[in-house]
Amino acid sequence: MMNNKEIFSVFFREKPAMMLVELKNAKNEIYASSLAKHIDCTYSHVVKILQEMEKAGLVNFEKQGRLKLLTLTKTGSEIAEKIDGIRVLL
C-alpha cells in the first residue's frame, strides 16, 4: 500500500508542487533560498523550476535590493490552492 506522500508524487512532481504550496502558505516574504530550505532542495534546482514557473505565468520575481522576492500570480495561486486541496484529501 502506498502512503500519502508516495501517491501524491505519482500525480505531481513533488518539489514543484510543494514550491507552489509553500508560496501559497508563506506567512511572510519568501525568497528562492528560503524556499529551497523549506522543501529540502538545492538552490539552483529551485531557481530553475521557478524560472519555468515564471514563464508559465505562475510566479513573479520582485527585485528587492539584491534579493528577489517571490510571489504567486493569480493563476499560480489558484493552482497552488487546488494542489494543496488534493494533498489534504490524500
PDB file of N, CA and C in Angstrom:
ATOM      1  N   MET A   1       0.841  -1.198   0.000  1.00  0.00           N
ATOM      2  CA  MET A   1       0.000   0.000   0.000  1.00  0.00           C
ATOM      3  C   MET A   1       0.885   1.260   0.000  1.00  0.00           C
ATOM      4  N   MET A   2       0.585   2.173  -0.883  1.00  0.00           N
ATOM      5  CA  MET A   2       1.366   3.422  -0.947  1.00  0.00           C
ATOM      6  C   MET A   2       0.936   4.374   0.158  1.00  0.00           C
ATOM      7  N   ASN A   3       1.887   5.108   0.693  1.00  0.00           N
ATOM      8  CA  ASN A   3       1.486   6.134   1.653  1.00  0.00           C
ATOM      9  C   ASN A   3       1.094   7.406   0.903  1.00  0.00           C
ATOM     10  N   ASN A   4       0.537   8.362   1.623  1.00  0.00           N
ATOM     11  CA  ASN A   4       0.014   9.591   1.005  1.00  0.00           C
ATOM     12  C   ASN A   4       1.066  10.362   0.224  1.00  0.00           C
ATOM     13  N   LYS A   5       2.270  10.441   0.788  1.00  0.00           N
ATOM     14  CA  LYS A   5       3.341  11.181   0.134  1.00  0.00           C
ATOM     15  C   LYS A   5       3.701  10.526  -1.205  1.00  0.00           C
ATOM     16  N   GLU A   6       3.726   9.204  -1.218  1.00  0.00           N
ATOM     17  CA  GLU A   6       4.057   8.481  -2.451  1.00  0.00           C
ATOM     18  C   GLU A   6       2.976   8.670  -3.516  1.00  0.00           C
ATOM     19  N   ILE A   7       1.730   8.555  -3.117  1.00  0.00           N
ATOM     20  CA  ILE A   7       0.644   8.686  -4.085  1.00  0.00           C
ATOM     21  C   ILE A   7       0.586  10.122  -4.617  1.00  0.00           C
ATOM     22  N   PHE A   8       0.879  11.085  -3.755  1.00  0.00           N
ATOM     23  CA  PHE A   8       0.907  12.487  -4.194  1.00  0.00           C
ATOM     24  C   PHE A   8       1.954  12.683  -5.279  1.00  0.00           C
ATOM     25  N   SER A   9       3.113  12.074  -5.091  1.00  0.00           N
ATOM     26  CA  SER A   9       4.184  12.245  -6.082  1.00  0.00           C
ATOM     27  C   SER A   9       3.921  11.457  -7.363  1.00  0.00           C
ATOM     28  N   VAL A  10       2.941  10.543  -7.329  1.00  0.00           N
ATOM     29  CA  VAL A  10       2.521   9.863  -8.557  1.00  0.00           C
ATOM     30  C   VAL A  10       1.792  10.873  -9.450  1.00  0.00           C
ATOM     31  N   PHE A  11       0.966  11.706  -8.834  1.00  0.00           N
ATOM     32  CA  PHE A  11       0.177  12.692  -9.576  1.00  0.00           C
ATOM     33  C   PHE A  11       0.974  13.950  -9.907  1.00  0.00           C
ATOM     34  N   PHE A  12       1.857  14.320  -9.016  1.00  0.00           N
ATOM     35  CA  PHE A  12       2.589  15.577  -9.155  1.00  0.00           C
ATOM     36  C   PHE A  12       4.073  15.334  -8.965  1.00  0.00           C
ATOM     37  N   ARG A  13       4.877  16.098  -9.692  1.00  0.00           N
ATOM     38  CA  ARG A  13       6.291  16.110  -9.326  1.00  0.00           C
ATOM     39  C   ARG A  13       6.336  16.834  -7.991  1.00  0.00           C
ATOM     40  N   GLU A  14       6.862  16.150  -7.015  1.00  0.00           N
ATOM     41  CA  GLU A  14       6.724  16.625  -5.643  1.00  0.00           C
ATOM     42  C   GLU A  14       7.310  18.018  -5.388  1.00  0.00           C
ATOM     43  N   LYS A  15       8.549  18.261  -5.816  1.00  0.00           N
ATOM     44  CA  LYS A  15       9.201  19.535  -5.475  1.00  0.00           C
ATOM     45  C   LYS A  15       8.467  20.750  -6.077  1.00  0.00           C
ATOM     46  N   PRO A  16       8.188  20.748  -7.383  1.00  0.00           N
ATOM     47  CA  PRO A  16       7.461  21.913  -7.930  1.00  0.00           C
ATOM     48  C   PRO A  16       6.096  22.119  -7.272  1.00  0.00           C
ATOM     49  N   ALA A  17       5.383  21.027  -7.027  1.00  0.00           N
ATOM     50  CA  ALA A  17       4.072  21.133  -6.377  1.00  0.00           C
ATOM     51  C   ALA A  17       4.227  21.739  -4.985  1.00  0.00           C
ATOM     52  N   MET A  18       5.208  21.266  -4.230  1.00  0.00           N
ATOM     53  CA  MET A  18       5.417  21.771  -2.877  1.00  0.00           C
ATOM     54  C   MET A  18       5.904  23.216  -2.874  1.00  0.00           C
ATOM     55  N   MET A  19       6.623  23.606  -3.936  1.00  0.00           N
ATOM     56  CA  MET A  19       7.064  25.001  -4.032  1.00  0.00           C
ATOM     57  C   MET A  19       5.851  25.924  -4.107  1.00  0.00           C
ATOM     58  N   LEU A  20       4.884  25.564  -4.942  1.00  0.00           N
ATOM     59  CA  LEU A  20       3.673  26.382  -5.068  1.00  0.00           C
ATOM     60  C   LEU A  20       2.907  26.423  -3.752  1.00  0.00           C
ATOM     61  N   VAL A  21       2.782  25.258  -3.112  1.00  0.00           N
ATOM     62  CA  VAL A  21       2.061  25.180  -1.840  1.00  0.00           C
ATOM     63  C   VAL A  21       2.779  26.017  -0.763  1.00  0.00           C
ATOM     64  N   GLU A  22       4.113  25.917  -0.711  1.00  0.00           N
ATOM     65  CA  GLU A  22       4.886  26.717   0.257  1.00  0.00           C
ATOM     66  C   GLU A  22       4.672  28.214   0.021  1.00  0.00           C
ATOM     67  N   LEU A  23       4.702  28.614  -1.236  1.00  0.00           N
ATOM     68  CA  LEU A  23       4.494  30.034  -1.552  1.00  0.00           C
ATOM     69  C   LEU A  23       3.093  30.473  -1.130  1.00  0.00           C
ATOM     70  N   LYS A  24       2.127  29.616  -1.362  1.00  0.00           N
ATOM     71  CA  LYS A  24       0.744  29.939  -1.001  1.00  0.00           C
ATOM     72  C   LYS A  24       0.608  30.084   0.511  1.00  0.00           C
ATOM     73  N   ASN A  25       1.271  29.200   1.255  1.00  0.00           N
ATOM     74  CA  ASN A  25       1.101  29.174   2.708  1.00  0.00           C
ATOM     75  C   ASN A  25       2.089  30.058   3.469  1.00  0.00           C
ATOM     76  N   ALA A  26       2.999  30.705   2.747  1.00  0.00           N
ATOM     77  CA  ALA A  26       4.018  31.537   3.405  1.00  0.00           C
ATOM     78  C   ALA A  26       3.366  32.662   4.199  1.00  0.00           C
ATOM     79  N   LYS A  27       3.774  32.788   5.442  1.00  0.00           N
ATOM     80  CA  LYS A  27       3.227  33.840   6.305  1.00  0.00           C
ATOM     81  C   LYS A  27       3.948  35.170   6.068  1.00  0.00           C
ATOM     82  N   ASN A  28       5.200  35.092   5.645  1.00  0.00           N
ATOM     83  CA  ASN A  28       5.936  36.329   5.368  1.00  0.00           C
ATOM     84  C   ASN A  28       6.662  36.217   4.041  1.00  0.00           C
ATOM     85  N   GLU A  29       7.453  37.197   3.744  1.00  0.00           N
ATOM     86  CA  GLU A  29       8.146  37.253   2.451  1.00  0.00           C
ATOM     87  C   GLU A  29       9.025  36.019   2.255  1.00  0.00           C
ATOM     88  N   ILE A  30       9.039  35.531   1.031  1.00  0.00           N
ATOM     89  CA  ILE A  30       9.809  34.316   0.764  1.00  0.00           C
ATOM     90  C   ILE A  30      10.700  34.517  -0.465  1.00  0.00           C
ATOM     91  N   TYR A  31      11.903  33.982  -0.363  1.00  0.00           N
ATOM     92  CA  TYR A  31      12.905  34.086  -1.423  1.00  0.00           C
ATOM     93  C   TYR A  31      13.305  32.687  -1.856  1.00  0.00           C
ATOM     94  N   ALA A  32      13.947  32.576  -3.000  1.00  0.00           N
ATOM     95  CA  ALA A  32      14.362  31.267  -3.524  1.00  0.00           C
ATOM     96  C   ALA A  32      15.200  30.491  -2.510  1.00  0.00           C
ATOM     97  N   SER A  33      16.099  31.180  -1.808  1.00  0.00           N
ATOM     98  CA  SER A  33      16.968  30.491  -0.847  1.00  0.00           C
ATOM     99  C   SER A  33      16.167  29.890   0.308  1.00  0.00           C
ATOM    100  N   SER A  34      15.189  30.639   0.821  1.00  0.00           N
ATOM    101  CA  SER A  34      14.387  30.102   1.927  1.00  0.00           C
ATOM    102  C   SER A  34      13.453  29.000   1.430  1.00  0.00           C
ATOM    103  N   LEU A  35      12.959  29.149   0.215  1.00  0.00           N
ATOM    104  CA  LEU A  35      12.106  28.120  -0.387  1.00  0.00           C
ATOM    105  C   LEU A  35      12.882  26.805  -0.534  1.00  0.00           C
ATOM    106  N   ALA A  36      14.138  26.914  -0.990  1.00  0.00           N
ATOM    107  CA  ALA A  36      14.991  25.736  -1.151  1.00  0.00           C
ATOM    108  C   ALA A  36      15.146  24.992   0.175  1.00  0.00           C
ATOM    109  N   LYS A  37      15.347  25.746   1.263  1.00  0.00           N
ATOM    110  CA  LYS A  37      15.481  25.136   2.587  1.00  0.00           C
ATOM    111  C   LYS A  37      14.182  24.441   2.995  1.00  0.00           C
ATOM    112  N   HIS A  38      13.067  25.121   2.796  1.00  0.00           N
ATOM    113  CA  HIS A  38      11.749  24.590   3.187  1.00  0.00           C
ATOM    114  C   HIS A  38      11.427  23.261   2.524  1.00  0.00           C
ATOM    115  N   ILE A  39      11.741  23.142   1.242  1.00  0.00           N
ATOM    116  CA  ILE A  39      11.358  21.917   0.529  1.00  0.00           C
ATOM    117  C   ILE A  39      12.535  20.952   0.366  1.00  0.00           C
ATOM    118  N   ASP A  40      13.634  21.271   1.029  1.00  0.00           N
ATOM    119  CA  ASP A  40      14.819  20.406   1.023  1.00  0.00           C
ATOM    120  C   ASP A  40      15.302  20.119  -0.407  1.00  0.00           C
ATOM    121  N   CYS A  41      15.679  21.185  -1.071  1.00  0.00           N
ATOM    122  CA  CYS A  41      16.085  21.120  -2.469  1.00  0.00           C
ATOM    123  C   CYS A  41      17.269  22.066  -2.654  1.00  0.00           C
ATOM    124  N   THR A  42      18.075  21.836  -3.674  1.00  0.00           N
ATOM    125  CA  THR A  42      19.193  22.760  -3.886  1.00  0.00           C
ATOM    126  C   THR A  42      18.672  24.086  -4.432  1.00  0.00           C
ATOM    127  N   TYR A  43      19.397  25.131  -4.114  1.00  0.00           N
ATOM    128  CA  TYR A  43      19.035  26.476  -4.560  1.00  0.00           C
ATOM    129  C   TYR A  43      18.945  26.527  -6.091  1.00  0.00           C
ATOM    130  N   SER A  44      19.935  25.937  -6.774  1.00  0.00           N
ATOM    131  CA  SER A  44      19.955  26.017  -8.239  1.00  0.00           C
ATOM    132  C   SER A  44      18.764  25.283  -8.861  1.00  0.00           C
ATOM    133  N   HIS A  45      18.370  24.162  -8.257  1.00  0.00           N
ATOM    134  CA  HIS A  45      17.209  23.413  -8.751  1.00  0.00           C
ATOM    135  C   HIS A  45      15.934  24.246  -8.578  1.00  0.00           C
ATOM    136  N   VAL A  46      15.804  24.872  -7.409  1.00  0.00           N
ATOM    137  CA  VAL A  46      14.642  25.723  -7.121  1.00  0.00           C
ATOM    138  C   VAL A  46      14.565  26.879  -8.116  1.00  0.00           C
ATOM    139  N   VAL A  47      15.693  27.530  -8.369  1.00  0.00           N
ATOM    140  CA  VAL A  47      15.709  28.667  -9.297  1.00  0.00           C
ATOM    141  C   VAL A  47      15.307  28.212 -10.701  1.00  0.00           C
ATOM    142  N   LYS A  48      15.800  27.054 -11.129  1.00  0.00           N
ATOM    143  CA  LYS A  48      15.465  26.519 -12.444  1.00  0.00           C
ATOM    144  C   LYS A  48      13.949  26.288 -12.569  1.00  0.00           C
ATOM    145  N   ILE A  49      13.363  25.674 -11.558  1.00  0.00           N
ATOM    146  CA  ILE A  49      11.920  25.418 -11.557  1.00  0.00           C
ATOM    147  C   ILE A  49      11.150  26.742 -11.519  1.00  0.00           C
ATOM    148  N   LEU A  50      11.618  27.673 -10.691  1.00  0.00           N
ATOM    149  CA  LEU A  50      10.949  28.977 -10.576  1.00  0.00           C
ATOM    150  C   LEU A  50      10.953  29.732 -11.905  1.00  0.00           C
ATOM    151  N   GLN A  51      12.057  29.627 -12.643  1.00  0.00           N
ATOM    152  CA  GLN A  51      12.133  30.293 -13.946  1.00  0.00           C
ATOM    153  C   GLN A  51      11.103  29.709 -14.912  1.00  0.00           C
ATOM    154  N   GLU A  52      10.935  28.381 -14.869  1.00  0.00           N
ATOM    155  CA  GLU A  52       9.901  27.728 -15.691  1.00  0.00           C
ATOM    156  C   GLU A  52       8.515  28.207 -15.269  1.00  0.00           C
ATOM    157  N   MET A  53       8.306  28.304 -13.959  1.00  0.00           N
ATOM    158  CA  MET A  53       7.016  28.745 -13.432  1.00  0.00           C
ATOM    159  C   MET A  53       6.737  30.198 -13.806  1.00  0.00           C
ATOM    160  N   GLU A  54       7.801  30.995 -13.852  1.00  0.00           N
ATOM    161  CA  GLU A  54       7.645  32.402 -14.234  1.00  0.00           C
ATOM    162  C   GLU A  54       7.221  32.485 -15.704  1.00  0.00           C
ATOM    163  N   LYS A  55       7.858  31.690 -16.559  1.00  0.00           N
ATOM    164  CA  LYS A  55       7.498  31.642 -17.981  1.00  0.00           C
ATOM    165  C   LYS A  55       6.043  31.222 -18.158  1.00  0.00           C
ATOM    166  N   ALA A  56       5.590  30.315 -17.298  1.00  0.00           N
ATOM    167  CA  ALA A  56       4.224  29.803 -17.369  1.00  0.00           C
ATOM    168  C   ALA A  56       3.217  30.758 -16.710  1.00  0.00           C
ATOM    169  N   GLY A  57       3.731  31.856 -16.161  1.00  0.00           N
ATOM    170  CA  GLY A  57       2.846  32.853 -15.550  1.00  0.00           C
ATOM    171  C   GLY A  57       2.309  32.460 -14.184  1.00  0.00           C
ATOM    172  N   LEU A  58       3.075  31.656 -13.439  1.00  0.00           N
ATOM    173  CA  LEU A  58       2.614  31.209 -12.119  1.00  0.00           C
ATOM    174  C   LEU A  58       3.246  31.978 -10.961  1.00  0.00           C
ATOM    175  N   VAL A  59       4.476  32.453 -11.167  1.00  0.00           N
ATOM    176  CA  VAL A  59       5.152  33.216 -10.108  1.00  0.00           C
ATOM    177  C   VAL A  59       5.748  34.507 -10.667  1.00  0.00           C
ATOM    178  N   ASN A  60       5.937  35.451  -9.773  1.00  0.00           N
ATOM    179  CA  ASN A  60       6.621  36.704 -10.106  1.00  0.00           C
ATOM    180  C   ASN A  60       7.861  36.820  -9.237  1.00  0.00           C
ATOM    181  N   PHE A  61       8.915  37.396  -9.813  1.00  0.00           N
ATOM    182  CA  PHE A  61      10.102  37.764  -9.051  1.00  0.00           C
ATOM    183  C   PHE A  61      10.062  39.273  -8.883  1.00  0.00           C
ATOM    184  N   GLU A  62      10.123  39.757  -7.643  1.00  0.00           N
ATOM    185  CA  GLU A  62      10.205  41.199  -7.415  1.00  0.00           C
ATOM    186  C   GLU A  62      11.561  41.494  -6.808  1.00  0.00           C
ATOM    187  N   LYS A  63      12.328  42.292  -7.524  1.00  0.00           N
ATOM    188  CA  LYS A  63      13.667  42.609  -7.028  1.00  0.00           C
ATOM    189  C   LYS A  63      13.577  43.540  -5.819  1.00  0.00           C
ATOM    190  N   GLN A  64      14.236  43.140  -4.738  1.00  0.00           N
ATOM    191  CA  GLN A  64      14.326  43.969  -3.534  1.00  0.00           C
ATOM    192  C   GLN A  64      15.792  44.042  -3.155  1.00  0.00           C
ATOM    193  N   GLY A  65      16.443  45.098  -3.606  1.00  0.00           N
ATOM    194  CA  GLY A  65      17.885  45.177  -3.408  1.00  0.00           C
ATOM    195  C   GLY A  65      18.541  44.035  -4.160  1.00  0.00           C
ATOM    196  N   ARG A  66      19.331  43.222  -3.447  1.00  0.00           N
ATOM    197  CA  ARG A  66      19.994  42.084  -4.086  1.00  0.00           C
ATOM    198  C   ARG A  66      19.132  40.833  -4.103  1.00  0.00           C
ATOM    199  N   LEU A  67      18.052  40.871  -3.355  1.00  0.00           N
ATOM    200  CA  LEU A  67      17.192  39.695  -3.256  1.00  0.00           C
ATOM    201  C   LEU A  67      16.001  39.796  -4.202  1.00  0.00           C
ATOM    202  N   LYS A  68      15.484  38.627  -4.580  1.00  0.00           N
ATOM    203  CA  LYS A  68      14.272  38.598  -5.396  1.00  0.00           C
ATOM    204  C   LYS A  68      13.164  37.960  -4.575  1.00  0.00           C
ATOM    205  N   LEU A  69      12.154  38.771  -4.281  1.00  0.00           N
ATOM    206  CA  LEU A  69      11.001  38.295  -3.530  1.00  0.00           C
ATOM    207  C   LEU A  69      10.102  37.494  -4.467  1.00  0.00           C
ATOM    208  N   LEU A  70       9.597  36.367  -3.974  1.00  0.00           N
ATOM    209  CA  LEU A  70       8.725  35.526  -4.794  1.00  0.00           C
ATOM    210  C   LEU A  70       7.271  35.738  -4.430  1.00  0.00           C
ATOM    211  N   THR A  71       6.444  35.876  -5.437  1.00  0.00           N
ATOM    212  CA  THR A  71       5.003  35.940  -5.209  1.00  0.00           C
ATOM    213  C   THR A  71       4.301  35.098  -6.263  1.00  0.00           C
ATOM    214  N   LEU A  72       3.142  34.579  -5.892  1.00  0.00           N
ATOM    215  CA  LEU A  72       2.328  33.831  -6.842  1.00  0.00           C
ATOM    216  C   LEU A  72       1.473  34.804  -7.647  1.00  0.00           C
ATOM    217  N   THR A  73       1.268  34.496  -8.910  1.00  0.00           N
ATOM    218  CA  THR A  73       0.315  35.258  -9.719  1.00  0.00           C
ATOM    219  C   THR A  73      -1.073  34.736  -9.343  1.00  0.00           C
ATOM    220  N   LYS A  74      -2.112  35.342  -9.881  1.00  0.00           N
ATOM    221  CA  LYS A  74      -3.480  34.891  -9.626  1.00  0.00           C
ATOM    222  C   LYS A  74      -3.613  33.418 -10.039  1.00  0.00           C
ATOM    223  N   THR A  75      -3.119  33.084 -11.228  1.00  0.00           N
ATOM    224  CA  THR A  75      -3.182  31.706 -11.726  1.00  0.00           C
ATOM    225  C   THR A  75      -2.375  30.772 -10.831  1.00  0.00           C
ATOM    226  N   GLY A  76      -1.164  31.184 -10.476  1.00  0.00           N
ATOM    227  CA  GLY A  76      -0.309  30.384  -9.603  1.00  0.00           C
ATOM    228  C   GLY A  76      -0.983  30.102  -8.273  1.00  0.00           C
ATOM    229  N   SER A  77      -1.662  31.105  -7.766  1.00  0.00           N
ATOM    230  CA  SER A  77      -2.369  30.996  -6.501  1.00  0.00           C
ATOM    231  C   SER A  77      -3.517  29.986  -6.595  1.00  0.00           C
ATOM    232  N   GLU A  78      -4.262  30.061  -7.687  1.00  0.00           N
ATOM    233  CA  GLU A  78      -5.384  29.136  -7.892  1.00  0.00           C
ATOM    234  C   GLU A  78      -4.880  27.699  -8.010  1.00  0.00           C
ATOM    235  N   ILE A  79      -3.797  27.508  -8.742  1.00  0.00           N
ATOM    236  CA  ILE A  79      -3.229  26.167  -8.906  1.00  0.00           C
ATOM    237  C   ILE A  79      -2.717  25.641  -7.562  1.00  0.00           C
ATOM    238  N   ALA A  80      -2.009  26.489  -6.816  1.00  0.00           N
ATOM    239  CA  ALA A  80      -1.478  26.097  -5.506  1.00  0.00           C
ATOM    240  C   ALA A  80      -2.613  25.686  -4.574  1.00  0.00           C
ATOM    241  N   GLU A  81      -3.698  26.430  -4.625  1.00  0.00           N
ATOM    242  CA  GLU A  81      -4.891  26.157  -3.809  1.00  0.00           C
ATOM    243  C   GLU A  81      -5.414  24.745  -4.111  1.00  0.00           C
ATOM    244  N   LYS A  82      -5.511  24.428  -5.383  1.00  0.00           N
ATOM    245  CA  LYS A  82      -6.040  23.117  -5.797  1.00  0.00           C
ATOM    246  C   LYS A  82      -5.067  21.991  -5.436  1.00  0.00           C
ATOM    247  N   ILE A  83      -3.768  22.217  -5.655  1.00  0.00           N
ATOM    248  CA  ILE A  83      -2.762  21.206  -5.303  1.00  0.00           C
ATOM    249  C   ILE A  83      -2.823  20.924  -3.807  1.00  0.00           C
ATOM    250  N   ASP A  84      -2.913  21.987  -3.015  1.00  0.00           N
ATOM    251  CA  ASP A  84      -2.966  21.833  -1.559  1.00  0.00           C
ATOM    252  C   ASP A  84      -4.232  21.071  -1.167  1.00  0.00           C
ATOM    253  N   GLY A  85      -5.327  21.374  -1.841  1.00  0.00           N
ATOM    254  CA  GLY A  85      -6.582  20.677  -1.572  1.00  0.00           C
ATOM    255  C   GLY A  85      -6.462  19.189  -1.833  1.00  0.00           C
ATOM    256  N   ILE A  86      -5.827  18.836  -2.940  1.00  0.00           N
ATOM    257  CA  ILE A  86      -5.631  17.429  -3.284  1.00  0.00           C
ATOM    258  C   ILE A  86      -4.705  16.762  -2.267  1.00  0.00           C
ATOM    259  N   ARG A  87      -3.641  17.484  -1.882  1.00  0.00           N
ATOM    260  CA  ARG A  87      -2.681  16.943  -0.916  1.00  0.00           C
ATOM    261  C   ARG A  87      -3.392  16.634   0.404  1.00  0.00           C
ATOM    262  N   VAL A  88      -4.287  17.520   0.816  1.00  0.00           N
ATOM    263  CA  VAL A  88      -5.042  17.330   2.058  1.00  0.00           C
ATOM    264  C   VAL A  88      -5.977  16.117   1.943  1.00  0.00           C
ATOM    265  N   LEU A  89      -6.606  15.964   0.788  1.00  0.00           N
ATOM    266  CA  LEU A  89      -7.505  14.819   0.564  1.00  0.00           C
ATOM    267  C   LEU A  89      -6.768  13.488   0.603  1.00  0.00           C
ATOM    268  N   LEU A  90      -5.529  13.488   0.105  1.00  0.00           N
ATOM    269  CA  LEU A  90      -4.745  12.255   0.075  1.00  0.00           C
ATOM    270  C   LEU A  90      -4.250  11.921   1.487  1.00  0.00           C
TER     271      LEU A  90
END
